[in-house]
PDB file of N, CA and C in Angstrom:
ATOM      1  N   MET A   1       2.291  14.160  30.416  1.00  0.00           N
ATOM      2  CA  MET A   1       1.849  13.181  30.271  1.00  0.00           C
ATOM      3  C   MET A   1       2.625  12.607  28.697  1.00  0.00           C
ATOM      4  N   HIS A   2       3.102  11.756  28.686  1.00  0.00           N
ATOM      5  CA  HIS A   2       4.313  11.156  27.644  1.00  0.00           C
ATOM      6  C   HIS A   2       2.993  10.484  26.515  1.00  0.00           C
ATOM      7  N   ARG A   3       2.803  10.856  25.388  1.00  0.00           N
ATOM      8  CA  ARG A   3       1.823  10.299  24.288  1.00  0.00           C
ATOM      9  C   ARG A   3       2.503   9.800  23.477  1.00  0.00           C
ATOM     10  N   LYS A   4       2.512   8.051  22.968  1.00  0.00           N
ATOM     11  CA  LYS A   4       3.194   7.310  22.277  1.00  0.00           C
ATOM     12  C   LYS A   4       2.753   7.706  20.680  1.00  0.00           C
ATOM     13  N   LEU A   5       3.546   7.684  19.461  1.00  0.00           N
ATOM     14  CA  LEU A   5       3.187   8.210  18.236  1.00  0.00           C
ATOM     15  C   LEU A   5       3.365   6.447  17.422  1.00  0.00           C
ATOM     16  N   TYR A   6       2.574   6.818  16.298  1.00  0.00           N
ATOM     17  CA  TYR A   6       2.801   5.559  15.365  1.00  0.00           C
ATOM     18  C   TYR A   6       3.528   6.144  14.544  1.00  0.00           C
ATOM     19  N   ALA A   7       4.900   5.667  13.733  1.00  0.00           N
ATOM     20  CA  ALA A   7       5.285   5.871  13.129  1.00  0.00           C
ATOM     21  C   ALA A   7       5.318   5.133  11.997  1.00  0.00           C
ATOM     22  N   ILE A   8       5.071   5.765  10.995  1.00  0.00           N
ATOM     23  CA  ILE A   8       4.682   4.813   9.528  1.00  0.00           C
ATOM     24  C   ILE A   8       5.430   5.252   8.365  1.00  0.00           C
ATOM     25  N   VAL A   9       6.037   4.106   7.875  1.00  0.00           N
ATOM     26  CA  VAL A   9       6.886   4.056   6.934  1.00  0.00           C
ATOM     27  C   VAL A   9       6.361   3.366   5.847  1.00  0.00           C
ATOM     28  N   VAL A  10       6.386   3.766   4.808  1.00  0.00           N
ATOM     29  CA  VAL A  10       5.653   3.986   3.785  1.00  0.00           C
ATOM     30  C   VAL A  10       6.379   3.208   2.508  1.00  0.00           C
ATOM     31  N   VAL A  11       5.922   2.129   1.992  1.00  0.00           N
ATOM     32  CA  VAL A  11       6.654   1.792   0.859  1.00  0.00           C
ATOM     33  C   VAL A  11       6.165   1.632  -0.193  1.00  0.00           C
ATOM     34  N   THR A  12       6.768   1.666  -1.635  1.00  0.00           N
ATOM     35  CA  THR A  12       5.765   1.279  -2.696  1.00  0.00           C
ATOM     36  C   THR A  12       6.018  -0.192  -3.285  1.00  0.00           C
ATOM     37  N   ALA A  13       4.622  -0.911  -2.992  1.00  0.00           N
ATOM     38  CA  ALA A  13       5.009  -2.334  -3.314  1.00  0.00           C
ATOM     39  C   ALA A  13       4.503  -2.394  -4.845  1.00  0.00           C
ATOM     40  N   VAL A  14       5.442  -3.398  -5.080  1.00  0.00           N
ATOM     41  CA  VAL A  14       5.377  -3.845  -6.703  1.00  0.00           C
ATOM     42  C   VAL A  14       4.959  -5.014  -6.958  1.00  0.00           C
ATOM     43  N   ALA A  15       4.376  -5.181  -7.637  1.00  0.00           N
ATOM     44  CA  ALA A  15       3.235  -6.858  -7.976  1.00  0.00           C
ATOM     45  C   ALA A  15       4.164  -7.230  -8.696  1.00  0.00           C
ATOM     46  N   PRO A  16       4.712  -8.827  -8.293  1.00  0.00           N
ATOM     47  CA  PRO A  16       5.655  -9.619  -9.310  1.00  0.00           C
ATOM     48  C   PRO A  16       4.745  -9.750 -10.748  1.00  0.00           C
ATOM     49  N   ALA A  17       5.697 -10.529 -11.338  1.00  0.00           N
ATOM     50  CA  ALA A  17       5.112 -10.852 -12.572  1.00  0.00           C
ATOM     51  C   ALA A  17       3.840 -11.447 -12.389  1.00  0.00           C
ATOM     52  N   CYS A  18       2.542 -11.797 -13.173  1.00  0.00           N
ATOM     53  CA  CYS A  18       1.634 -12.430 -13.003  1.00  0.00           C
ATOM     54  C   CYS A  18       0.724 -12.671 -14.482  1.00  0.00           C
ATOM     55  N   GLY A  19       0.009 -13.823 -14.497  1.00  0.00           N
ATOM     56  CA  GLY A  19      -0.919 -14.059 -15.660  1.00  0.00           C
ATOM     57  C   GLY A  19       0.049 -14.000 -16.629  1.00  0.00           C
ATOM     58  N   ASN A  20      -0.236 -13.737 -17.719  1.00  0.00           N
ATOM     59  CA  ASN A  20       0.651 -14.463 -19.034  1.00  0.00           C
ATOM     60  C   ASN A  20       1.663 -13.287 -19.031  1.00  0.00           C
ATOM     61  N   ASP A  21       2.091 -12.491 -18.467  1.00  0.00           N
ATOM     62  CA  ASP A  21       2.920 -11.311 -18.694  1.00  0.00           C
ATOM     63  C   ASP A  21       4.398 -11.965 -18.983  1.00  0.00           C
ATOM     64  N   VAL A  22       4.872 -11.504 -20.093  1.00  0.00           N
ATOM     65  CA  VAL A  22       6.182 -12.272 -20.459  1.00  0.00           C
ATOM     66  C   VAL A  22       7.291 -11.132 -20.883  1.00  0.00           C
ATOM     67  N   GLY A  23       8.464 -11.498 -19.953  1.00  0.00           N
ATOM     68  CA  GLY A  23       9.455 -10.625 -20.377  1.00  0.00           C
ATOM     69  C   GLY A  23      10.514 -10.577 -19.150  1.00  0.00           C
ATOM     70  N   ILE A  24      11.771  -9.886 -19.666  1.00  0.00           N
ATOM     71  CA  ILE A  24      13.018  -9.744 -18.738  1.00  0.00           C
ATOM     72  C   ILE A  24      13.290  -8.237 -18.281  1.00  0.00           C
ATOM     73  N   GLU A  25      12.614  -7.411 -18.990  1.00  0.00           N
ATOM     74  CA  GLU A  25      13.108  -5.764 -18.608  1.00  0.00           C
ATOM     75  C   GLU A  25      11.691  -4.955 -17.985  1.00  0.00           C
ATOM     76  N   PRO A  26      12.403  -4.331 -16.964  1.00  0.00           N
ATOM     77  CA  PRO A  26      11.089  -3.520 -16.434  1.00  0.00           C
ATOM     78  C   PRO A  26      10.576  -3.061 -17.275  1.00  0.00           C
ATOM     79  N   ASP A  27       9.387  -2.675 -17.216  1.00  0.00           N
ATOM     80  CA  ASP A  27       7.959  -1.590 -17.913  1.00  0.00           C
ATOM     81  C   ASP A  27       8.846  -0.530 -17.413  1.00  0.00           C
ATOM     82  N   ALA A  28       8.187   0.485 -17.894  1.00  0.00           N
ATOM     83  CA  ALA A  28       7.930   1.610 -18.232  1.00  0.00           C
ATOM     84  C   ALA A  28       8.118   2.528 -16.716  1.00  0.00           C
ATOM     85  N   ALA A  29       7.084   1.701 -15.939  1.00  0.00           N
ATOM     86  CA  ALA A  29       6.954   2.511 -15.061  1.00  0.00           C
ATOM     87  C   ALA A  29       7.990   1.946 -13.799  1.00  0.00           C
ATOM     88  N   GLY A  30       8.895   1.178 -14.335  1.00  0.00           N
ATOM     89  CA  GLY A  30       9.873   0.594 -13.212  1.00  0.00           C
ATOM     90  C   GLY A  30       9.488  -0.549 -12.389  1.00  0.00           C
ATOM     91  N   GLY A  31       8.381  -1.247 -12.829  1.00  0.00           N
ATOM     92  CA  GLY A  31       7.864  -2.176 -12.404  1.00  0.00           C
ATOM     93  C   GLY A  31       8.467  -3.589 -12.809  1.00  0.00           C
ATOM     94  N   GLY A  32       7.901  -4.755 -12.716  1.00  0.00           N
ATOM     95  CA  GLY A  32       8.325  -6.120 -13.098  1.00  0.00           C
ATOM     96  C   GLY A  32       8.283  -6.088 -14.660  1.00  0.00           C
ATOM     97  N   PRO A  33       8.224  -7.303 -15.408  1.00  0.00           N
ATOM     98  CA  PRO A  33       8.111  -7.693 -16.702  1.00  0.00           C
ATOM     99  C   PRO A  33       6.931  -6.719 -17.314  1.00  0.00           C
ATOM    100  N   PRO A  34       7.409  -6.215 -18.908  1.00  0.00           N
ATOM    101  CA  PRO A  34       6.209  -5.816 -19.183  1.00  0.00           C
ATOM    102  C   PRO A  34       4.808  -6.061 -19.360  1.00  0.00           C
ATOM    103  N   GLY A  35       3.906  -4.929 -18.522  1.00  0.00           N
ATOM    104  CA  GLY A  35       2.854  -5.241 -18.443  1.00  0.00           C
ATOM    105  C   GLY A  35       2.634  -6.034 -16.528  1.00  0.00           C
ATOM    106  N   SER A  36       3.437  -5.905 -16.134  1.00  0.00           N
ATOM    107  CA  SER A  36       3.137  -6.173 -14.555  1.00  0.00           C
ATOM    108  C   SER A  36       2.189  -5.472 -14.268  1.00  0.00           C
ATOM    109  N   PRO A  37       1.703  -5.382 -13.145  1.00  0.00           N
ATOM    110  CA  PRO A  37       0.813  -4.431 -12.768  1.00  0.00           C
ATOM    111  C   PRO A  37       1.741  -3.580 -11.253  1.00  0.00           C
ATOM    112  N   LEU A  38       1.570  -2.062 -11.292  1.00  0.00           N
ATOM    113  CA  LEU A  38       2.195  -1.670 -10.358  1.00  0.00           C
ATOM    114  C   LEU A  38       1.468  -0.626  -9.400  1.00  0.00           C
ATOM    115  N   VAL A  39       1.877  -0.597  -8.097  1.00  0.00           N
ATOM    116  CA  VAL A  39       1.394  -0.216  -6.963  1.00  0.00           C
ATOM    117  C   VAL A  39       2.368   0.997  -6.386  1.00  0.00           C
ATOM    118  N   THR A  40       1.394   2.252  -6.336  1.00  0.00           N
ATOM    119  CA  THR A  40       2.643   3.787  -5.785  1.00  0.00           C
ATOM    120  C   THR A  40       2.019   3.856  -4.550  1.00  0.00           C
ATOM    121  N   VAL A  41       2.111   4.049  -3.660  1.00  0.00           N
ATOM    122  CA  VAL A  41       1.737   4.503  -2.162  1.00  0.00           C
ATOM    123  C   VAL A  41       2.117   5.897  -2.127  1.00  0.00           C
ATOM    124  N   THR A  42       0.830   6.823  -1.898  1.00  0.00           N
ATOM    125  CA  THR A  42       1.437   8.361  -1.735  1.00  0.00           C
ATOM    126  C   THR A  42       0.967   8.794  -0.630  1.00  0.00           C
ATOM    127  N   SER A  43       0.406   8.385   0.018  1.00  0.00           N
ATOM    128  CA  SER A  43      -0.109   8.613   1.396  1.00  0.00           C
ATOM    129  C   SER A  43       0.074   7.636   2.069  1.00  0.00           C
ATOM    130  N   PRO A  44       0.529   8.146   3.761  1.00  0.00           N
ATOM    131  CA  PRO A  44       1.025   8.673   4.501  1.00  0.00           C
ATOM    132  C   PRO A  44       2.172   8.961   3.794  1.00  0.00           C
ATOM    133  N   ARG A  45       2.914   9.840   4.414  1.00  0.00           N
ATOM    134  CA  ARG A  45       4.644  10.021   3.659  1.00  0.00           C
ATOM    135  C   ARG A  45       5.455   9.591   4.660  1.00  0.00           C
ATOM    136  N   LEU A  46       6.441   9.355   3.840  1.00  0.00           N
ATOM    137  CA  LEU A  46       7.591   8.845   4.780  1.00  0.00           C
ATOM    138  C   LEU A  46       7.486   9.055   6.013  1.00  0.00           C
ATOM    139  N   ASN A  47       7.621   8.084   7.629  1.00  0.00           N
ATOM    140  CA  ASN A  47       8.217   8.459   8.491  1.00  0.00           C
ATOM    141  C   ASN A  47       7.374   9.311   9.018  1.00  0.00           C
ATOM    142  N   GLU A  48       5.836   9.643   8.604  1.00  0.00           N
ATOM    143  CA  GLU A  48       4.724  10.570   9.104  1.00  0.00           C
ATOM    144  C   GLU A  48       4.343   9.837  10.631  1.00  0.00           C
ATOM    145  N   SER A  49       3.624  10.864  11.563  1.00  0.00           N
ATOM    146  CA  SER A  49       3.791   9.910  13.172  1.00  0.00           C
ATOM    147  C   SER A  49       2.414  10.371  13.112  1.00  0.00           C
ATOM    148  N   PHE A  50       1.497   9.411  14.051  1.00  0.00           N
ATOM    149  CA  PHE A  50       0.367   9.738  14.264  1.00  0.00           C
ATOM    150  C   PHE A  50       0.002   9.404  15.662  1.00  0.00           C
ATOM    151  N   TYR A  51      -1.084  10.133  16.391  1.00  0.00           N
ATOM    152  CA  TYR A  51      -1.367   9.753  17.985  1.00  0.00           C
ATOM    153  C   TYR A  51      -2.519   8.727  17.431  1.00  0.00           C
ATOM    154  N   PRO A  52      -2.381   7.798  19.011  1.00  0.00           N
ATOM    155  CA  PRO A  52      -3.331   6.397  18.931  1.00  0.00           C
ATOM    156  C   PRO A  52      -4.742   7.177  18.396  1.00  0.00           C
ATOM    157  N   SER A  53      -5.244   8.440  18.763  1.00  0.00           N
ATOM    158  CA  SER A  53      -6.449   9.020  18.527  1.00  0.00           C
ATOM    159  C   SER A  53      -7.033   9.821  17.430  1.00  0.00           C
ATOM    160  N   GLN A  54      -6.000   9.623  16.596  1.00  0.00           N
ATOM    161  CA  GLN A  54      -5.893   9.934  14.946  1.00  0.00           C
ATOM    162  C   GLN A  54      -6.603   8.648  13.596  1.00  0.00           C
ATOM    163  N   THR A  55      -6.319   9.161  13.182  1.00  0.00           N
ATOM    164  CA  THR A  55      -6.900   8.126  11.585  1.00  0.00           C
ATOM    165  C   THR A  55      -5.689   8.253  10.492  1.00  0.00           C
ATOM    166  N   ALA A  56      -5.057   7.330   9.748  1.00  0.00           N
ATOM    167  CA  ALA A  56      -3.941   7.668   8.984  1.00  0.00           C
ATOM    168  C   ALA A  56      -4.757   7.297   7.303  1.00  0.00           C
ATOM    169  N   GLN A  57      -4.764   8.371   6.925  1.00  0.00           N
ATOM    170  CA  GLN A  57      -5.560   8.145   5.140  1.00  0.00           C
ATOM    171  C   GLN A  57      -3.981   7.162   4.109  1.00  0.00           C
ATOM    172  N   ILE A  58      -4.416   6.026   3.550  1.00  0.00           N
ATOM    173  CA  ILE A  58      -3.644   5.385   3.174  1.00  0.00           C
ATOM    174  C   ILE A  58      -3.944   5.548   2.008  1.00  0.00           C
ATOM    175  N   GLU A  59      -3.219   6.232   0.888  1.00  0.00           N
ATOM    176  CA  GLU A  59      -4.099   6.224  -0.614  1.00  0.00           C
ATOM    177  C   GLU A  59      -2.514   5.870  -1.324  1.00  0.00           C
ATOM    178  N   TRP A  60      -3.245   5.377  -2.641  1.00  0.00           N
ATOM    179  CA  TRP A  60      -2.139   4.418  -3.550  1.00  0.00           C
ATOM    180  C   TRP A  60      -2.608   4.705  -4.920  1.00  0.00           C
ATOM    181  N   THR A  61      -2.004   4.204  -5.981  1.00  0.00           N
ATOM    182  CA  THR A  61      -2.745   4.440  -7.402  1.00  0.00           C
ATOM    183  C   THR A  61      -2.265   2.841  -7.966  1.00  0.00           C
ATOM    184  N   ALA A  62      -2.713   2.198  -8.399  1.00  0.00           N
ATOM    185  CA  ALA A  62      -2.362   0.989  -8.858  1.00  0.00           C
ATOM    186  C   ALA A  62      -2.723   0.361 -10.555  1.00  0.00           C
ATOM    187  N   THR A  63      -1.796   0.375 -11.394  1.00  0.00           N
ATOM    188  CA  THR A  63      -2.192   0.367 -12.878  1.00  0.00           C
ATOM    189  C   THR A  63      -1.882  -1.225 -13.476  1.00  0.00           C
ATOM    190  N   ASP A  64      -2.477  -1.829 -14.315  1.00  0.00           N
ATOM    191  CA  ASP A  64      -2.236  -2.931 -15.161  1.00  0.00           C
ATOM    192  C   ASP A  64      -2.549  -2.510 -16.434  1.00  0.00           C
ATOM    193  N   ASP A  65      -1.592  -2.595 -17.539  1.00  0.00           N
ATOM    194  CA  ASP A  65      -1.686  -2.593 -18.911  1.00  0.00           C
ATOM    195  C   ASP A  65      -2.564  -3.816 -19.332  1.00  0.00           C
ATOM    196  N   ASP A  66      -2.776  -4.984 -18.628  1.00  0.00           N
ATOM    197  CA  ASP A  66      -3.767  -6.145 -18.580  1.00  0.00           C
ATOM    198  C   ASP A  66      -5.203  -5.819 -18.440  1.00  0.00           C
ATOM    199  N   SER A  67      -5.578  -5.032 -17.540  1.00  0.00           N
ATOM    200  CA  SER A  67      -6.814  -5.099 -17.088  1.00  0.00           C
ATOM    201  C   SER A  67      -7.669  -3.657 -16.870  1.00  0.00           C
ATOM    202  N   ALA A  68      -8.430  -3.229 -16.833  1.00  0.00           N
ATOM    203  CA  ALA A  68      -9.103  -1.956 -16.851  1.00  0.00           C
ATOM    204  C   ALA A  68      -9.332  -1.933 -15.189  1.00  0.00           C
ATOM    205  N   MET A  69      -9.611  -2.603 -14.456  1.00  0.00           N
ATOM    206  CA  MET A  69      -9.683  -2.731 -12.994  1.00  0.00           C
ATOM    207  C   MET A  69      -8.562  -3.596 -12.183  1.00  0.00           C
ATOM    208  N   VAL A  70      -8.281  -3.295 -11.003  1.00  0.00           N
ATOM    209  CA  VAL A  70      -7.179  -4.127 -10.292  1.00  0.00           C
ATOM    210  C   VAL A  70      -7.707  -3.746  -8.621  1.00  0.00           C
ATOM    211  N   THR A  71      -7.678  -5.042  -8.057  1.00  0.00           N
ATOM    212  CA  THR A  71      -7.814  -5.559  -6.551  1.00  0.00           C
ATOM    213  C   THR A  71      -7.147  -5.344  -5.790  1.00  0.00           C
ATOM    214  N   CYS A  72      -6.784  -4.662  -4.735  1.00  0.00           N
ATOM    215  CA  CYS A  72      -5.832  -4.448  -4.001  1.00  0.00           C
ATOM    216  C   CYS A  72      -6.226  -4.804  -2.429  1.00  0.00           C
ATOM    217  N   ASP A  73      -5.171  -5.247  -1.933  1.00  0.00           N
ATOM    218  CA  ASP A  73      -5.191  -4.967   0.023  1.00  0.00           C
ATOM    219  C   ASP A  73      -4.077  -4.250   0.287  1.00  0.00           C
ATOM    220  N   ALA A  74      -4.393  -4.027   1.510  1.00  0.00           N
ATOM    221  CA  ALA A  74      -3.549  -3.084   2.319  1.00  0.00           C
ATOM    222  C   ALA A  74      -3.248  -3.503   3.679  1.00  0.00           C
ATOM    223  N   ALA A  75      -1.985  -3.712   3.912  1.00  0.00           N
ATOM    224  CA  ALA A  75      -1.621  -3.985   5.314  1.00  0.00           C
ATOM    225  C   ALA A  75      -0.535  -3.186   5.789  1.00  0.00           C
ATOM    226  N   ALA A  76      -0.596  -3.645   7.270  1.00  0.00           N
ATOM    227  CA  ALA A  76       0.549  -2.711   7.835  1.00  0.00           C
ATOM    228  C   ALA A  76       1.330  -3.612   8.700  1.00  0.00           C
ATOM    229  N   VAL A  77       2.691  -3.481   8.556  1.00  0.00           N
ATOM    230  CA  VAL A  77       3.276  -4.568   9.047  1.00  0.00           C
ATOM    231  C   VAL A  77       4.501  -4.262  10.256  1.00  0.00           C
ATOM    232  N   SER A  78       4.764  -4.496  11.363  1.00  0.00           N
ATOM    233  CA  SER A  78       5.376  -4.181  12.405  1.00  0.00           C
ATOM    234  C   SER A  78       6.111  -5.446  12.848  1.00  0.00           C
ATOM    235  N   GLY A  79       7.603  -5.905  12.341  1.00  0.00           N
ATOM    236  CA  GLY A  79       8.266  -7.213  12.904  1.00  0.00           C
ATOM    237  C   GLY A  79       7.535  -8.230  11.900  1.00  0.00           C
ATOM    238  N   THR A  80       7.287  -8.616  12.930  1.00  0.00           N
ATOM    239  CA  THR A  80       6.055 -10.308  12.119  1.00  0.00           C
ATOM    240  C   THR A  80       5.039 -10.019  12.202  1.00  0.00           C
ATOM    241  N   ASN A  81       4.424  -8.636  12.842  1.00  0.00           N
ATOM    242  CA  ASN A  81       3.214  -8.690  13.132  1.00  0.00           C
ATOM    243  C   ASN A  81       2.170  -7.903  11.965  1.00  0.00           C
ATOM    244  N   ARG A  82       1.146  -8.237  11.454  1.00  0.00           N
ATOM    245  CA  ARG A  82       0.882  -7.727  10.046  1.00  0.00           C
ATOM    246  C   ARG A  82      -0.647  -7.678  10.338  1.00  0.00           C
ATOM    247  N   ILE A  83      -1.076  -6.369   9.818  1.00  0.00           N
ATOM    248  CA  ILE A  83      -2.667  -6.177  10.333  1.00  0.00           C
ATOM    249  C   ILE A  83      -3.190  -5.715   8.894  1.00  0.00           C
ATOM    250  N   ALA A  84      -4.059  -6.577   8.545  1.00  0.00           N
ATOM    251  CA  ALA A  84      -4.678  -6.255   7.629  1.00  0.00           C
ATOM    252  C   ALA A  84      -5.684  -4.766   7.650  1.00  0.00           C
ATOM    253  N   ILE A  85      -5.372  -3.689   6.710  1.00  0.00           N
ATOM    254  CA  ILE A  85      -6.296  -2.753   6.930  1.00  0.00           C
ATOM    255  C   ILE A  85      -7.676  -2.568   5.863  1.00  0.00           C
ATOM    256  N   MET A  86      -7.212  -3.123   4.740  1.00  0.00           N
ATOM    257  CA  MET A  86      -8.544  -3.692   4.063  1.00  0.00           C
ATOM    258  C   MET A  86      -7.999  -4.635   2.580  1.00  0.00           C
ATOM    259  N   THR A  87      -8.701  -5.333   2.733  1.00  0.00           N
ATOM    260  CA  THR A  87      -8.702  -6.570   1.378  1.00  0.00           C
ATOM    261  C   THR A  87      -9.896  -6.562   0.381  1.00  0.00           C
ATOM    262  N   GLY A  88      -9.258  -6.824  -0.837  1.00  0.00           N
ATOM    263  CA  GLY A  88      -9.960  -7.464  -2.025  1.00  0.00           C
ATOM    264  C   GLY A  88     -10.704  -5.717  -2.342  1.00  0.00           C
ATOM    265  N   THR A  89     -10.461  -4.924  -2.610  1.00  0.00           N
ATOM    266  CA  THR A  89     -11.003  -3.431  -3.198  1.00  0.00           C
ATOM    267  C   THR A  89     -10.370  -3.124  -4.344  1.00  0.00           C
ATOM    268  N   ALA A  90     -11.682  -3.615  -5.073  1.00  0.00           N
ATOM    269  CA  ALA A  90     -11.439  -3.063  -6.768  1.00  0.00           C
ATOM    270  C   ALA A  90     -11.462  -1.395  -6.759  1.00  0.00           C
ATOM    271  N   GLN A  91     -10.606  -1.522  -8.056  1.00  0.00           N
ATOM    272  CA  GLN A  91     -10.610   0.518  -8.415  1.00  0.00           C
ATOM    273  C   GLN A  91     -10.183  -0.037  -9.538  1.00  0.00           C
ATOM    274  N   ALA A  92     -10.617   0.944 -10.541  1.00  0.00           N
ATOM    275  CA  ALA A  92      -9.957   1.126 -11.796  1.00  0.00           C
ATOM    276  C   ALA A  92      -8.504   1.582 -12.291  1.00  0.00           C
ATOM    277  N   SER A  93      -7.907   1.246 -13.013  1.00  0.00           N
ATOM    278  CA  SER A  93      -6.637   1.033 -13.015  1.00  0.00           C
ATOM    279  C   SER A  93      -6.101   2.378 -13.256  1.00  0.00           C
ATOM    280  N   GLY A  94      -4.934   2.856 -12.828  1.00  0.00           N
ATOM    281  CA  GLY A  94      -4.966   4.256 -12.960  1.00  0.00           C
ATOM    282  C   GLY A  94      -5.340   5.350 -12.003  1.00  0.00           C
ATOM    283  N   GLN A  95      -6.267   5.024 -11.167  1.00  0.00           N
ATOM    284  CA  GLN A  95      -7.077   6.002 -10.839  1.00  0.00           C
ATOM    285  C   GLN A  95      -6.519   5.929  -9.206  1.00  0.00           C
ATOM    286  N   LEU A  96      -6.210   7.161  -8.527  1.00  0.00           N
ATOM    287  CA  LEU A  96      -6.182   7.391  -6.833  1.00  0.00           C
ATOM    288  C   LEU A  96      -7.275   6.635  -6.129  1.00  0.00           C
ATOM    289  N   ALA A  97      -6.904   5.772  -5.131  1.00  0.00           N
ATOM    290  CA  ALA A  97      -7.950   5.052  -4.188  1.00  0.00           C
ATOM    291  C   ALA A  97      -7.472   5.288  -3.004  1.00  0.00           C
ATOM    292  N   MET A  98      -8.322   5.290  -1.676  1.00  0.00           N
ATOM    293  CA  MET A  98      -7.765   5.387  -0.658  1.00  0.00           C
ATOM    294  C   MET A  98      -8.703   4.470   0.473  1.00  0.00           C
ATOM    295  N   VAL A  99      -7.956   4.521   1.780  1.00  0.00           N
ATOM    296  CA  VAL A  99      -8.757   4.253   2.679  1.00  0.00           C
ATOM    297  C   VAL A  99      -8.450   4.377   4.186  1.00  0.00           C
ATOM    298  N   THR A 100      -8.902   4.639   4.906  1.00  0.00           N
ATOM    299  CA  THR A 100      -8.921   5.566   6.244  1.00  0.00           C
ATOM    300  C   THR A 100      -8.613   3.884   7.463  1.00  0.00           C
ATOM    301  N   TRP A 101      -7.615   4.409   7.816  1.00  0.00           N
ATOM    302  CA  TRP A 101      -6.835   2.814   9.057  1.00  0.00           C
ATOM    303  C   TRP A 101      -7.147   3.951  10.269  1.00  0.00           C
ATOM    304  N   THR A 102      -8.179   3.605  11.453  1.00  0.00           N
ATOM    305  CA  THR A 102      -8.679   3.648  12.116  1.00  0.00           C
ATOM    306  C   THR A 102      -7.615   2.920  13.015  1.00  0.00           C
ATOM    307  N   LEU A 103      -6.664   3.874  14.017  1.00  0.00           N
ATOM    308  CA  LEU A 103      -5.520   3.526  14.884  1.00  0.00           C
ATOM    309  C   LEU A 103      -5.832   3.498  16.197  1.00  0.00           C
ATOM    310  N   ALA A 104      -6.937   3.483  16.776  1.00  0.00           N
ATOM    311  CA  ALA A 104      -7.381   3.425  18.043  1.00  0.00           C
ATOM    312  C   ALA A 104      -7.319   1.720  18.810  1.00  0.00           C
ATOM    313  N   SER A 105      -7.085   1.114  17.797  1.00  0.00           N
ATOM    314  CA  SER A 105      -7.324  -0.352  18.398  1.00  0.00           C
ATOM    315  C   SER A 105      -5.760  -0.963  18.001  1.00  0.00           C
ATOM    316  N   VAL A 106      -5.059  -0.166  17.559  1.00  0.00           N
ATOM    317  CA  VAL A 106      -3.885  -1.331  17.184  1.00  0.00           C
ATOM    318  C   VAL A 106      -2.567  -0.269  17.956  1.00  0.00           C
ATOM    319  N   ALA A 107      -1.538  -1.168  18.395  1.00  0.00           N
ATOM    320  CA  ALA A 107      -0.655  -0.773  19.894  1.00  0.00           C
ATOM    321  C   ALA A 107       0.402   0.073  18.904  1.00  0.00           C
ATOM    322  N   PRO A 108       0.958   1.150  19.420  1.00  0.00           N
ATOM    323  CA  PRO A 108       1.741   2.054  19.138  1.00  0.00           C
ATOM    324  C   PRO A 108       3.204   1.336  18.727  1.00  0.00           C
ATOM    325  N   ALA A 109       3.523   1.508  17.444  1.00  0.00           N
ATOM    326  CA  ALA A 109       4.570   0.833  16.865  1.00  0.00           C
ATOM    327  C   ALA A 109       4.712   1.527  15.489  1.00  0.00           C
ATOM    328  N   ASP A 110       6.092   1.101  15.248  1.00  0.00           N
ATOM    329  CA  ASP A 110       6.845   1.400  14.017  1.00  0.00           C
ATOM    330  C   ASP A 110       5.968   0.513  12.730  1.00  0.00           C
ATOM    331  N   TYR A 111       5.142   1.151  12.099  1.00  0.00           N
ATOM    332  CA  TYR A 111       4.619   0.398  10.889  1.00  0.00           C
ATOM    333  C   TYR A 111       5.434   0.700   9.411  1.00  0.00           C
ATOM    334  N   ARG A 112       4.917  -0.379   8.606  1.00  0.00           N
ATOM    335  CA  ARG A 112       5.576  -0.420   7.211  1.00  0.00           C
ATOM    336  C   ARG A 112       4.020  -0.587   6.476  1.00  0.00           C
ATOM    337  N   VAL A 113       3.655   0.422   5.559  1.00  0.00           N
ATOM    338  CA  VAL A 113       2.309   0.374   4.972  1.00  0.00           C
ATOM    339  C   VAL A 113       2.317  -0.325   3.922  1.00  0.00           C
ATOM    340  N   GLU A 114       1.772  -1.494   3.194  1.00  0.00           N
ATOM    341  CA  GLU A 114       1.973  -2.320   2.378  1.00  0.00           C
ATOM    342  C   GLU A 114       0.469  -2.211   1.546  1.00  0.00           C
ATOM    343  N   VAL A 115       0.449  -2.197  -0.070  1.00  0.00           N
ATOM    344  CA  VAL A 115      -0.276  -2.167  -0.876  1.00  0.00           C
ATOM    345  C   VAL A 115       0.093  -2.787  -1.743  1.00  0.00           C
ATOM    346  N   THR A 116      -0.733  -4.056  -2.202  1.00  0.00           N
ATOM    347  CA  THR A 116      -0.787  -5.017  -2.950  1.00  0.00           C
ATOM    348  C   THR A 116      -1.450  -5.482  -3.759  1.00  0.00           C
TER     349      THR A 116
END
């Protein structure tokens, strides 16, 4: 029996300049102008694969020099297909956050996980 796998390609999503942030040089974390929010996805790993019966743990850290709290969305993208994993999750700036993505109802394909 041939079982299809999900290939998860992880990206680091950097939020563009926002609010009243001003500057032309990247901040120390490598993001946009100084003070720009930065999101780093740490799980799943690059090119990690899952069976439809499994779940994928999405983990990230979001930091914002301007705020103690940040609000993030996570999505899986395959071609032009975008699947919301979660929306509007508030977390403390600089703290590890996670959400479980249940794959049973998702078509097998290659996905890129984005957290913004």
